[in-house]
Amino acid sequence: MSMKDKMHTGELYLCGDSEIMKEQFVCLEKLYEYNQTRPSEFEKRTEMLKDMFAEIGEGCYIEPPLHANLGVKHIHFGKNVYCNFGTTLVDDTHIYVGDYTMFGPNVVVATAGHPLLPELRQEGYQYNFPVTIGKNCWIGAGVIIVPGITIGDNVVIGAGSVVTKDIPSNVVAVGNPCKVLREINDHDREYYFKDRKIEW
């Protein structure tokens, strides 16, 4: 099995492999060009994203700068996904994001990890596990999501949280490490922020 194949199996592999690096540079060149586009070049950005992503639905909007290790080659977005400034997607393997999910500024989603044994790190070994984020989630500013995590649908992850374990659907989760604070409830159907009522 080639090093490139091992990127998606969870096995240890050498990320500096020449075949991987060759493909990575092509992807990073495209990402660089995307990050140089002007705010008025909306249609150009949309077409570039369709070319760069593994999958991207209609109505997605990504504020540059966007950072991605494989230039978003292994990223699958549903429709109407929004990423605020400074999103980092370490896409050495696949990242899946459901419809209507929003990322605050400076969110990091990482699929890549490195062994604890120093000798293996010194040789350049790493491993990757996919990340899945459900539909209609709000990932707050500065959140970090580590490899292998699954987040359910309709989840709010509080700003600055570090997600190290799976999060079920329909909850608010916060902290480092991120833990479920509570379920989304009837109060949330009446108030959108503190004592501010929703006027349906």
N, C-alpha and C. Protein backbone atom coordinates (compact mmCIF):
# COMPACT_ATOMS: atom_id res chain seq x y z
N MET A 1 0.85 -1.20 0.00
CA MET A 1 0.00 0.00 0.00
C MET A 1 0.88 1.25 0.00
N SER A 2 0.56 2.21 -0.84
CA SER A 2 1.36 3.42 -0.94
C SER A 2 1.10 4.34 0.26
N MET A 3 2.02 5.28 0.49
CA MET A 3 1.84 6.27 1.55
C MET A 3 0.57 7.08 1.31
N LYS A 4 0.29 7.39 0.05
CA LYS A 4 -0.90 8.16 -0.29
C LYS A 4 -2.17 7.40 0.11
N ASP A 5 -2.18 6.09 -0.12
CA ASP A 5 -3.34 5.27 0.27
C ASP A 5 -3.53 5.25 1.78
N LYS A 6 -2.42 5.24 2.51
CA LYS A 6 -2.48 5.17 3.97
C LYS A 6 -3.03 6.44 4.60
N MET A 7 -3.09 7.51 3.83
CA MET A 7 -3.64 8.77 4.35
C MET A 7 -5.07 8.59 4.85
N HIS A 8 -5.79 7.62 4.30
CA HIS A 8 -7.22 7.47 4.60
C HIS A 8 -7.55 6.20 5.37
N THR A 9 -6.53 5.54 5.92
CA THR A 9 -6.77 4.27 6.63
C THR A 9 -6.56 4.37 8.14
N GLY A 10 -6.01 5.47 8.62
CA GLY A 10 -5.66 5.60 10.02
C GLY A 10 -4.30 5.01 10.37
N GLU A 11 -3.62 4.44 9.37
CA GLU A 11 -2.29 3.88 9.61
C GLU A 11 -1.24 4.97 9.64
N LEU A 12 -0.10 4.66 10.27
CA LEU A 12 1.03 5.57 10.22
C LEU A 12 1.57 5.65 8.79
N TYR A 13 1.93 6.84 8.38
CA TYR A 13 2.53 7.02 7.05
C TYR A 13 3.45 8.23 7.09
N LEU A 14 4.25 8.37 6.06
CA LEU A 14 5.18 9.48 5.96
C LEU A 14 4.56 10.60 5.13
N CYS A 15 4.23 11.71 5.80
CA CYS A 15 3.53 12.80 5.12
C CYS A 15 4.43 13.54 4.14
N GLY A 16 5.75 13.35 4.23
CA GLY A 16 6.66 13.98 3.30
C GLY A 16 6.92 13.16 2.04
N ASP A 17 6.12 12.13 1.83
CA ASP A 17 6.24 11.29 0.64
C ASP A 17 6.14 12.14 -0.63
N SER A 18 6.97 11.85 -1.61
CA SER A 18 7.06 12.69 -2.81
C SER A 18 5.74 12.74 -3.59
N GLU A 19 5.02 11.63 -3.67
CA GLU A 19 3.74 11.61 -4.39
C GLU A 19 2.72 12.51 -3.70
N ILE A 20 2.70 12.45 -2.36
CA ILE A 20 1.77 13.29 -1.60
C ILE A 20 2.14 14.76 -1.76
N MET A 21 3.43 15.05 -1.63
CA MET A 21 3.87 16.45 -1.70
C MET A 21 3.60 17.07 -3.07
N LYS A 22 3.76 16.29 -4.11
CA LYS A 22 3.51 16.80 -5.46
C LYS A 22 2.05 17.23 -5.61
N GLU A 23 1.14 16.38 -5.15
CA GLU A 23 -0.29 16.70 -5.21
C GLU A 23 -0.63 17.86 -4.29
N GLN A 24 -0.02 17.88 -3.11
CA GLN A 24 -0.30 18.93 -2.14
C GLN A 24 0.06 20.31 -2.69
N PHE A 25 1.20 20.43 -3.36
CA PHE A 25 1.60 21.74 -3.89
C PHE A 25 0.63 22.26 -4.94
N VAL A 26 0.11 21.37 -5.77
CA VAL A 26 -0.89 21.77 -6.77
C VAL A 26 -2.13 22.33 -6.08
N CYS A 27 -2.59 21.63 -5.05
CA CYS A 27 -3.78 22.07 -4.30
C CYS A 27 -3.53 23.38 -3.57
N LEU A 28 -2.35 23.53 -2.99
CA LEU A 28 -2.05 24.75 -2.23
C LEU A 28 -1.91 25.96 -3.15
N GLU A 29 -1.47 25.75 -4.37
CA GLU A 29 -1.42 26.85 -5.34
C GLU A 29 -2.82 27.38 -5.62
N LYS A 30 -3.78 26.46 -5.79
CA LYS A 30 -5.17 26.88 -6.03
C LYS A 30 -5.73 27.62 -4.82
N LEU A 31 -5.42 27.12 -3.63
CA LEU A 31 -5.90 27.77 -2.41
C LEU A 31 -5.30 29.16 -2.27
N TYR A 32 -4.04 29.29 -2.60
CA TYR A 32 -3.39 30.61 -2.57
C TYR A 32 -4.13 31.59 -3.48
N GLU A 33 -4.46 31.13 -4.68
CA GLU A 33 -5.18 31.99 -5.63
C GLU A 33 -6.55 32.38 -5.08
N TYR A 34 -7.24 31.43 -4.45
CA TYR A 34 -8.54 31.74 -3.85
C TYR A 34 -8.40 32.85 -2.80
N ASN A 35 -7.37 32.74 -1.98
CA ASN A 35 -7.18 33.71 -0.90
C ASN A 35 -6.78 35.10 -1.41
N GLN A 36 -6.39 35.20 -2.67
CA GLN A 36 -6.04 36.50 -3.26
C GLN A 36 -7.22 37.16 -3.98
N THR A 37 -8.37 36.50 -4.02
CA THR A 37 -9.51 37.09 -4.73
C THR A 37 -10.06 38.29 -3.97
N ARG A 38 -10.72 39.14 -4.72
CA ARG A 38 -11.33 40.34 -4.14
C ARG A 38 -12.74 40.03 -3.64
N PRO A 39 -13.24 40.78 -2.65
CA PRO A 39 -14.59 40.55 -2.16
C PRO A 39 -15.66 40.63 -3.25
N SER A 40 -15.42 41.46 -4.27
CA SER A 40 -16.40 41.61 -5.35
C SER A 40 -16.41 40.44 -6.32
N GLU A 41 -15.44 39.53 -6.23
CA GLU A 41 -15.33 38.43 -7.18
C GLU A 41 -16.08 37.19 -6.68
N PHE A 42 -17.33 37.40 -6.35
CA PHE A 42 -18.14 36.34 -5.75
C PHE A 42 -18.30 35.14 -6.68
N GLU A 43 -18.62 35.40 -7.94
CA GLU A 43 -18.82 34.29 -8.89
C GLU A 43 -17.52 33.53 -9.13
N LYS A 44 -16.42 34.24 -9.20
CA LYS A 44 -15.11 33.60 -9.38
C LYS A 44 -14.80 32.70 -8.20
N ARG A 45 -15.04 33.18 -6.98
CA ARG A 45 -14.81 32.38 -5.78
C ARG A 45 -15.65 31.11 -5.81
N THR A 46 -16.91 31.24 -6.19
CA THR A 46 -17.81 30.08 -6.23
C THR A 46 -17.29 29.02 -7.18
N GLU A 47 -16.86 29.43 -8.36
CA GLU A 47 -16.33 28.47 -9.34
C GLU A 47 -15.03 27.84 -8.86
N MET A 48 -14.19 28.62 -8.21
CA MET A 48 -12.93 28.08 -7.69
C MET A 48 -13.19 27.01 -6.63
N LEU A 49 -14.14 27.27 -5.75
CA LEU A 49 -14.44 26.32 -4.69
C LEU A 49 -14.97 25.00 -5.26
N LYS A 50 -15.78 25.08 -6.31
CA LYS A 50 -16.28 23.86 -6.96
C LYS A 50 -15.14 23.01 -7.51
N ASP A 51 -14.11 23.67 -7.99
CA ASP A 51 -12.94 22.98 -8.53
C ASP A 51 -12.05 22.41 -7.43
N MET A 52 -11.97 23.10 -6.30
CA MET A 52 -11.03 22.74 -5.24
C MET A 52 -11.56 21.68 -4.28
N PHE A 53 -12.84 21.77 -3.91
CA PHE A 53 -13.42 20.87 -2.90
C PHE A 53 -13.68 19.48 -3.47
N ALA A 54 -13.68 18.47 -2.59
CA ALA A 54 -14.15 17.14 -2.98
C ALA A 54 -15.63 17.23 -3.34
N GLU A 55 -16.40 17.93 -2.51
CA GLU A 55 -17.83 18.20 -2.75
C GLU A 55 -18.17 19.52 -2.09
N ILE A 56 -18.98 20.34 -2.75
CA ILE A 56 -19.48 21.56 -2.12
C ILE A 56 -20.85 21.89 -2.68
N GLY A 57 -21.81 22.08 -1.77
CA GLY A 57 -23.19 22.34 -2.17
C GLY A 57 -23.41 23.79 -2.56
N GLU A 58 -24.61 24.08 -3.00
CA GLU A 58 -24.99 25.43 -3.40
C GLU A 58 -25.05 26.34 -2.17
N GLY A 59 -24.74 27.61 -2.40
CA GLY A 59 -24.93 28.62 -1.38
C GLY A 59 -23.87 28.67 -0.29
N CYS A 60 -22.76 27.98 -0.47
CA CYS A 60 -21.68 28.04 0.52
C CYS A 60 -20.90 29.35 0.36
N TYR A 61 -20.43 29.88 1.49
CA TYR A 61 -19.65 31.11 1.46
C TYR A 61 -18.49 30.98 2.43
N ILE A 62 -17.28 31.19 1.93
CA ILE A 62 -16.08 31.04 2.74
C ILE A 62 -15.27 32.32 2.66
N GLU A 63 -15.10 32.98 3.81
CA GLU A 63 -14.33 34.22 3.87
C GLU A 63 -12.84 33.89 3.82
N PRO A 64 -12.09 34.45 2.88
CA PRO A 64 -10.64 34.31 2.95
C PRO A 64 -10.11 35.10 4.17
N PRO A 65 -8.98 34.73 4.76
CA PRO A 65 -8.16 33.61 4.32
C PRO A 65 -8.69 32.27 4.83
N LEU A 66 -8.62 31.29 3.97
CA LEU A 66 -8.93 29.90 4.29
C LEU A 66 -7.62 29.14 4.25
N HIS A 67 -7.40 28.30 5.25
CA HIS A 67 -6.18 27.50 5.32
C HIS A 67 -6.56 26.02 5.28
N ALA A 68 -5.86 25.24 4.47
CA ALA A 68 -6.14 23.81 4.38
C ALA A 68 -4.87 23.09 3.91
N ASN A 69 -4.55 22.02 4.60
CA ASN A 69 -3.29 21.32 4.33
C ASN A 69 -3.23 20.72 2.93
N LEU A 70 -4.36 20.19 2.47
CA LEU A 70 -4.44 19.64 1.11
C LEU A 70 -5.30 20.52 0.22
N GLY A 71 -5.38 21.82 0.55
CA GLY A 71 -6.09 22.77 -0.31
C GLY A 71 -7.56 22.47 -0.46
N VAL A 72 -8.22 21.91 0.53
CA VAL A 72 -9.63 21.49 0.62
C VAL A 72 -9.98 20.32 -0.30
N LYS A 73 -8.99 19.60 -0.78
CA LYS A 73 -9.21 18.47 -1.68
C LYS A 73 -10.04 17.35 -1.05
N HIS A 74 -9.95 17.21 0.27
CA HIS A 74 -10.64 16.12 0.98
C HIS A 74 -11.81 16.62 1.82
N ILE A 75 -12.39 17.75 1.42
CA ILE A 75 -13.47 18.34 2.22
C ILE A 75 -14.79 18.26 1.48
N HIS A 76 -15.83 17.86 2.22
CA HIS A 76 -17.17 17.65 1.68
C HIS A 76 -18.14 18.56 2.44
N PHE A 77 -18.61 19.61 1.78
CA PHE A 77 -19.59 20.53 2.38
C PHE A 77 -20.96 20.29 1.76
N GLY A 78 -21.98 20.35 2.61
CA GLY A 78 -23.35 20.37 2.12
C GLY A 78 -23.67 21.75 1.56
N LYS A 79 -24.95 22.10 1.55
CA LYS A 79 -25.34 23.41 1.02
C LYS A 79 -25.39 24.46 2.13
N ASN A 80 -25.19 25.71 1.73
CA ASN A 80 -25.31 26.86 2.63
C ASN A 80 -24.43 26.77 3.87
N VAL A 81 -23.22 26.25 3.71
CA VAL A 81 -22.23 26.25 4.79
C VAL A 81 -21.50 27.60 4.77
N TYR A 82 -21.29 28.17 5.95
CA TYR A 82 -20.59 29.46 6.05
C TYR A 82 -19.34 29.30 6.92
N CYS A 83 -18.22 29.80 6.42
CA CYS A 83 -16.97 29.84 7.19
C CYS A 83 -16.50 31.28 7.32
N ASN A 84 -16.34 31.74 8.54
CA ASN A 84 -15.85 33.09 8.78
C ASN A 84 -14.33 33.13 8.58
N PHE A 85 -13.75 34.30 8.78
CA PHE A 85 -12.33 34.52 8.52
C PHE A 85 -11.44 33.55 9.28
N GLY A 86 -10.37 33.09 8.63
CA GLY A 86 -9.33 32.33 9.31
C GLY A 86 -9.64 30.89 9.60
N THR A 87 -10.60 30.29 8.89
CA THR A 87 -10.88 28.87 9.09
C THR A 87 -9.68 28.04 8.65
N THR A 88 -9.30 27.05 9.49
CA THR A 88 -8.22 26.13 9.17
C THR A 88 -8.78 24.71 9.13
N LEU A 89 -8.67 24.07 7.98
CA LEU A 89 -9.16 22.71 7.78
C LEU A 89 -7.97 21.82 7.43
N VAL A 90 -7.52 21.07 8.41
CA VAL A 90 -6.36 20.19 8.21
C VAL A 90 -6.89 18.91 7.55
N ASP A 91 -6.98 18.96 6.23
CA ASP A 91 -7.72 17.95 5.47
C ASP A 91 -6.81 16.87 4.89
N ASP A 92 -5.93 16.32 5.72
CA ASP A 92 -5.08 15.21 5.24
C ASP A 92 -5.92 13.98 4.95
N THR A 93 -7.08 13.86 5.61
CA THR A 93 -8.12 12.93 5.18
C THR A 93 -9.44 13.69 5.21
N HIS A 94 -10.55 12.99 5.12
CA HIS A 94 -11.83 13.63 4.81
C HIS A 94 -12.47 14.36 5.99
N ILE A 95 -13.06 15.51 5.67
CA ILE A 95 -13.88 16.29 6.60
C ILE A 95 -15.25 16.46 5.95
N TYR A 96 -16.30 16.10 6.71
CA TYR A 96 -17.68 16.17 6.22
C TYR A 96 -18.45 17.20 7.05
N VAL A 97 -19.12 18.14 6.38
CA VAL A 97 -19.88 19.18 7.06
C VAL A 97 -21.27 19.26 6.44
N GLY A 98 -22.30 19.18 7.29
CA GLY A 98 -23.68 19.16 6.81
C GLY A 98 -24.23 20.53 6.44
N ASP A 99 -25.41 20.51 5.82
CA ASP A 99 -26.08 21.73 5.35
C ASP A 99 -26.27 22.75 6.48
N TYR A 100 -26.17 24.02 6.14
CA TYR A 100 -26.49 25.16 7.01
C TYR A 100 -25.59 25.28 8.25
N THR A 101 -24.48 24.59 8.27
CA THR A 101 -23.56 24.73 9.40
C THR A 101 -22.72 25.98 9.24
N MET A 102 -22.44 26.65 10.37
CA MET A 102 -21.68 27.90 10.38
C MET A 102 -20.44 27.74 11.25
N PHE A 103 -19.32 28.29 10.75
CA PHE A 103 -18.08 28.35 11.50
C PHE A 103 -17.78 29.79 11.87
N GLY A 104 -17.52 30.06 13.14
CA GLY A 104 -17.05 31.38 13.55
C GLY A 104 -15.62 31.61 13.11
N PRO A 105 -15.06 32.79 13.42
CA PRO A 105 -13.68 33.07 13.03
C PRO A 105 -12.69 32.11 13.70
N ASN A 106 -11.63 31.77 12.97
CA ASN A 106 -10.48 31.04 13.51
C ASN A 106 -10.82 29.66 14.08
N VAL A 107 -11.75 28.98 13.46
CA VAL A 107 -12.04 27.59 13.81
C VAL A 107 -10.98 26.69 13.19
N VAL A 108 -10.56 25.66 13.92
CA VAL A 108 -9.61 24.66 13.43
C VAL A 108 -10.27 23.29 13.46
N VAL A 109 -10.30 22.63 12.32
CA VAL A 109 -10.76 21.24 12.23
C VAL A 109 -9.57 20.42 11.74
N ALA A 110 -9.07 19.52 12.59
CA ALA A 110 -7.85 18.77 12.27
C ALA A 110 -8.15 17.29 12.12
N THR A 111 -7.68 16.70 11.03
CA THR A 111 -7.78 15.25 10.86
C THR A 111 -6.46 14.55 11.12
N ALA A 112 -5.37 15.31 11.20
CA ALA A 112 -4.03 14.72 11.29
C ALA A 112 -3.51 14.74 12.72
N GLY A 113 -2.86 13.64 13.09
CA GLY A 113 -2.20 13.54 14.39
C GLY A 113 -0.81 12.95 14.22
N HIS A 114 -0.03 13.04 15.28
CA HIS A 114 1.34 12.53 15.24
C HIS A 114 1.56 11.61 16.43
N PRO A 115 2.35 10.55 16.27
CA PRO A 115 2.55 9.59 17.36
C PRO A 115 3.22 10.24 18.57
N LEU A 116 2.94 9.70 19.74
CA LEU A 116 3.56 10.20 20.96
C LEU A 116 5.03 9.84 21.04
N LEU A 117 5.42 8.74 20.42
CA LEU A 117 6.80 8.29 20.47
C LEU A 117 7.69 9.26 19.69
N PRO A 118 8.66 9.91 20.34
CA PRO A 118 9.46 10.93 19.67
C PRO A 118 10.21 10.41 18.44
N GLU A 119 10.67 9.17 18.49
CA GLU A 119 11.42 8.62 17.37
C GLU A 119 10.59 8.57 16.10
N LEU A 120 9.29 8.28 16.23
CA LEU A 120 8.42 8.24 15.06
C LEU A 120 8.14 9.64 14.52
N ARG A 121 7.96 10.59 15.43
CA ARG A 121 7.75 11.98 14.98
C ARG A 121 8.99 12.50 14.26
N GLN A 122 10.14 12.13 14.78
CA GLN A 122 11.40 12.57 14.17
C GLN A 122 11.54 12.07 12.74
N GLU A 123 10.97 10.89 12.47
CA GLU A 123 11.02 10.33 11.12
C GLU A 123 9.95 10.93 10.21
N GLY A 124 9.01 11.72 10.79
CA GLY A 124 7.99 12.38 9.98
C GLY A 124 6.69 11.61 9.84
N TYR A 125 6.43 10.64 10.73
CA TYR A 125 5.21 9.86 10.64
C TYR A 125 4.01 10.64 11.19
N GLN A 126 2.87 10.39 10.59
CA GLN A 126 1.60 10.89 11.11
C GLN A 126 0.50 9.90 10.78
N TYR A 127 -0.70 10.17 11.31
CA TYR A 127 -1.89 9.36 11.01
C TYR A 127 -3.06 10.32 10.88
N ASN A 128 -4.12 9.87 10.20
CA ASN A 128 -5.29 10.72 9.98
C ASN A 128 -6.58 9.97 10.29
N PHE A 129 -7.53 10.67 10.88
CA PHE A 129 -8.88 10.14 11.07
C PHE A 129 -9.89 11.21 10.68
N PRO A 130 -10.95 10.83 9.96
CA PRO A 130 -11.91 11.82 9.45
C PRO A 130 -12.71 12.49 10.56
N VAL A 131 -13.22 13.68 10.24
CA VAL A 131 -14.09 14.44 11.14
C VAL A 131 -15.43 14.65 10.43
N THR A 132 -16.52 14.45 11.17
CA THR A 132 -17.87 14.65 10.63
C THR A 132 -18.62 15.64 11.51
N ILE A 133 -19.16 16.68 10.90
CA ILE A 133 -19.98 17.69 11.58
C ILE A 133 -21.34 17.70 10.92
N GLY A 134 -22.39 17.61 11.71
CA GLY A 134 -23.74 17.45 11.17
C GLY A 134 -24.33 18.72 10.58
N LYS A 135 -25.63 18.66 10.35
CA LYS A 135 -26.38 19.77 9.75
C LYS A 135 -26.73 20.82 10.79
N ASN A 136 -26.79 22.07 10.32
CA ASN A 136 -27.33 23.18 11.10
C ASN A 136 -26.61 23.36 12.44
N CYS A 137 -25.30 23.20 12.43
CA CYS A 137 -24.49 23.43 13.63
C CYS A 137 -23.90 24.83 13.61
N TRP A 138 -23.59 25.33 14.79
CA TRP A 138 -22.87 26.59 14.93
C TRP A 138 -21.60 26.28 15.72
N ILE A 139 -20.47 26.39 15.04
CA ILE A 139 -19.18 26.14 15.66
C ILE A 139 -18.58 27.50 15.99
N GLY A 140 -18.51 27.83 17.29
CA GLY A 140 -18.14 29.18 17.72
C GLY A 140 -16.70 29.54 17.43
N ALA A 141 -16.40 30.82 17.60
CA ALA A 141 -15.08 31.36 17.30
C ALA A 141 -13.99 30.63 18.08
N GLY A 142 -12.90 30.31 17.40
CA GLY A 142 -11.74 29.73 18.07
C GLY A 142 -11.88 28.29 18.51
N VAL A 143 -12.90 27.60 18.05
CA VAL A 143 -13.08 26.18 18.41
C VAL A 143 -12.01 25.33 17.72
N ILE A 144 -11.54 24.31 18.43
CA ILE A 144 -10.61 23.33 17.87
C ILE A 144 -11.27 21.96 17.93
N ILE A 145 -11.31 21.27 16.79
CA ILE A 145 -11.88 19.93 16.71
C ILE A 145 -10.76 18.99 16.28
N VAL A 146 -10.50 17.95 17.09
CA VAL A 146 -9.36 17.07 16.86
C VAL A 146 -9.75 15.87 15.99
N PRO A 147 -8.77 15.09 15.52
CA PRO A 147 -9.06 13.99 14.59
C PRO A 147 -10.05 12.95 15.14
N GLY A 148 -10.88 12.44 14.20
CA GLY A 148 -11.77 11.33 14.52
C GLY A 148 -13.08 11.70 15.18
N ILE A 149 -13.39 12.98 15.30
CA ILE A 149 -14.57 13.44 16.03
C ILE A 149 -15.81 13.44 15.13
N THR A 150 -16.95 13.09 15.73
CA THR A 150 -18.26 13.24 15.10
C THR A 150 -19.11 14.15 15.96
N ILE A 151 -19.68 15.19 15.33
CA ILE A 151 -20.61 16.11 15.98
C ILE A 151 -21.95 15.95 15.30
N GLY A 152 -23.02 15.80 16.09
CA GLY A 152 -24.35 15.56 15.54
C GLY A 152 -24.96 16.79 14.90
N ASP A 153 -26.27 16.71 14.62
CA ASP A 153 -27.01 17.80 14.00
C ASP A 153 -27.46 18.82 15.05
N ASN A 154 -27.64 20.07 14.62
CA ASN A 154 -28.23 21.13 15.44
C ASN A 154 -27.44 21.41 16.72
N VAL A 155 -26.14 21.28 16.65
CA VAL A 155 -25.27 21.45 17.82
C VAL A 155 -24.67 22.86 17.82
N VAL A 156 -24.56 23.44 19.01
CA VAL A 156 -23.81 24.68 19.22
C VAL A 156 -22.58 24.34 20.05
N ILE A 157 -21.39 24.65 19.49
CA ILE A 157 -20.15 24.48 20.23
C ILE A 157 -19.67 25.87 20.64
N GLY A 158 -19.56 26.12 21.94
CA GLY A 158 -19.21 27.43 22.45
C GLY A 158 -17.81 27.88 22.06
N ALA A 159 -17.64 29.17 21.93
CA ALA A 159 -16.37 29.76 21.51
C ALA A 159 -15.22 29.27 22.38
N GLY A 160 -14.10 28.97 21.73
CA GLY A 160 -12.89 28.57 22.45
C GLY A 160 -12.86 27.14 22.92
N SER A 161 -13.87 26.35 22.61
CA SER A 161 -13.92 24.97 23.07
C SER A 161 -12.92 24.10 22.31
N VAL A 162 -12.46 23.03 22.97
CA VAL A 162 -11.59 22.04 22.34
C VAL A 162 -12.34 20.71 22.37
N VAL A 163 -12.77 20.25 21.18
CA VAL A 163 -13.63 19.07 21.08
C VAL A 163 -12.76 17.83 20.94
N THR A 164 -12.73 17.03 22.00
CA THR A 164 -11.90 15.83 22.05
C THR A 164 -12.72 14.54 22.09
N LYS A 165 -14.05 14.67 22.22
CA LYS A 165 -14.94 13.51 22.22
C LYS A 165 -16.16 13.83 21.36
N ASP A 166 -16.83 12.79 20.86
CA ASP A 166 -18.02 12.98 20.04
C ASP A 166 -19.09 13.75 20.81
N ILE A 167 -19.88 14.54 20.06
CA ILE A 167 -20.95 15.35 20.64
C ILE A 167 -22.27 14.93 19.99
N PRO A 168 -23.30 14.58 20.80
CA PRO A 168 -24.58 14.17 20.21
C PRO A 168 -25.36 15.34 19.62
N SER A 169 -26.45 15.04 18.93
CA SER A 169 -27.29 16.06 18.30
C SER A 169 -28.06 16.88 19.33
N ASN A 170 -28.45 18.09 18.94
CA ASN A 170 -29.41 18.93 19.66
C ASN A 170 -28.94 19.36 21.05
N VAL A 171 -27.64 19.71 21.16
CA VAL A 171 -27.11 20.14 22.44
C VAL A 171 -26.24 21.39 22.27
N VAL A 172 -26.03 22.06 23.41
CA VAL A 172 -25.02 23.09 23.53
C VAL A 172 -23.86 22.46 24.29
N ALA A 173 -22.64 22.57 23.73
CA ALA A 173 -21.47 21.98 24.36
C ALA A 173 -20.36 23.02 24.42
N VAL A 174 -19.65 23.07 25.56
CA VAL A 174 -18.63 24.10 25.75
C VAL A 174 -17.45 23.54 26.54
N GLY A 175 -16.33 24.25 26.48
CA GLY A 175 -15.22 24.00 27.38
C GLY A 175 -14.03 23.30 26.77
N ASN A 176 -13.02 23.13 27.63
CA ASN A 176 -11.79 22.44 27.27
C ASN A 176 -11.43 21.48 28.39
N PRO A 177 -11.71 20.18 28.19
CA PRO A 177 -12.30 19.58 26.99
C PRO A 177 -13.79 19.89 26.88
N CYS A 178 -14.30 19.91 25.65
CA CYS A 178 -15.69 20.26 25.38
C CYS A 178 -16.63 19.20 25.94
N LYS A 179 -17.65 19.65 26.70
CA LYS A 179 -18.64 18.75 27.28
C LYS A 179 -20.04 19.32 27.03
N VAL A 180 -21.02 18.44 27.01
CA VAL A 180 -22.41 18.87 26.82
C VAL A 180 -22.83 19.69 28.03
N LEU A 181 -23.30 20.90 27.78
CA LEU A 181 -23.81 21.77 28.84
C LEU A 181 -25.29 21.51 29.08
N ARG A 182 -26.05 21.43 27.97
CA ARG A 182 -27.49 21.18 28.08
C ARG A 182 -28.05 20.88 26.70
N GLU A 183 -29.30 20.41 26.69
CA GLU A 183 -30.01 20.23 25.44
C GLU A 183 -30.59 21.57 24.98
N ILE A 184 -30.78 21.70 23.68
CA ILE A 184 -31.51 22.85 23.15
C ILE A 184 -32.98 22.63 23.51
N ASN A 185 -33.63 23.66 24.11
CA ASN A 185 -34.93 23.44 24.75
C ASN A 185 -35.96 24.52 24.40
N ASP A 186 -37.10 24.49 25.10
CA ASP A 186 -38.18 25.44 24.84
C ASP A 186 -37.76 26.89 25.08
N HIS A 187 -36.88 27.11 26.05
CA HIS A 187 -36.39 28.46 26.31
C HIS A 187 -35.72 29.04 25.06
N ASP A 188 -35.00 28.19 24.34
CA ASP A 188 -34.31 28.63 23.13
C ASP A 188 -35.29 28.94 22.00
N ARG A 189 -36.51 28.40 22.09
CA ARG A 189 -37.54 28.72 21.10
C ARG A 189 -38.18 30.08 21.37
N GLU A 190 -37.94 30.63 22.59
CA GLU A 190 -38.52 31.90 22.96
C GLU A 190 -37.50 33.04 23.00
N TYR A 191 -36.26 32.70 23.39
CA TYR A 191 -35.22 33.72 23.53
C TYR A 191 -34.02 33.37 22.65
N TYR A 192 -33.50 34.36 21.92
CA TYR A 192 -32.34 34.11 21.06
C TYR A 192 -31.03 34.52 21.72
N PHE A 193 -31.08 35.46 22.71
CA PHE A 193 -29.88 35.88 23.43
C PHE A 193 -30.28 36.49 24.75
N LYS A 194 -29.88 35.88 25.84
CA LYS A 194 -30.21 36.34 27.19
C LYS A 194 -31.71 36.62 27.30
N ASP A 195 -32.11 37.90 27.53
CA ASP A 195 -33.54 38.20 27.68
C ASP A 195 -34.17 38.74 26.40
N ARG A 196 -33.49 38.56 25.26
CA ARG A 196 -34.00 39.05 23.98
C ARG A 196 -34.95 38.02 23.37
N LYS A 197 -36.22 38.41 23.25
CA LYS A 197 -37.23 37.49 22.74
C LYS A 197 -37.21 37.41 21.22
N ILE A 198 -37.52 36.22 20.74
CA ILE A 198 -37.72 36.02 19.30
C ILE A 198 -39.11 36.50 18.95
N GLU A 199 -39.22 37.35 17.96
CA GLU A 199 -40.53 37.82 17.50
C GLU A 199 -40.87 37.05 16.22
N TRP A 200 -41.60 35.98 16.39
CA TRP A 200 -41.94 35.10 15.26
C TRP A 200 -42.89 35.80 14.32
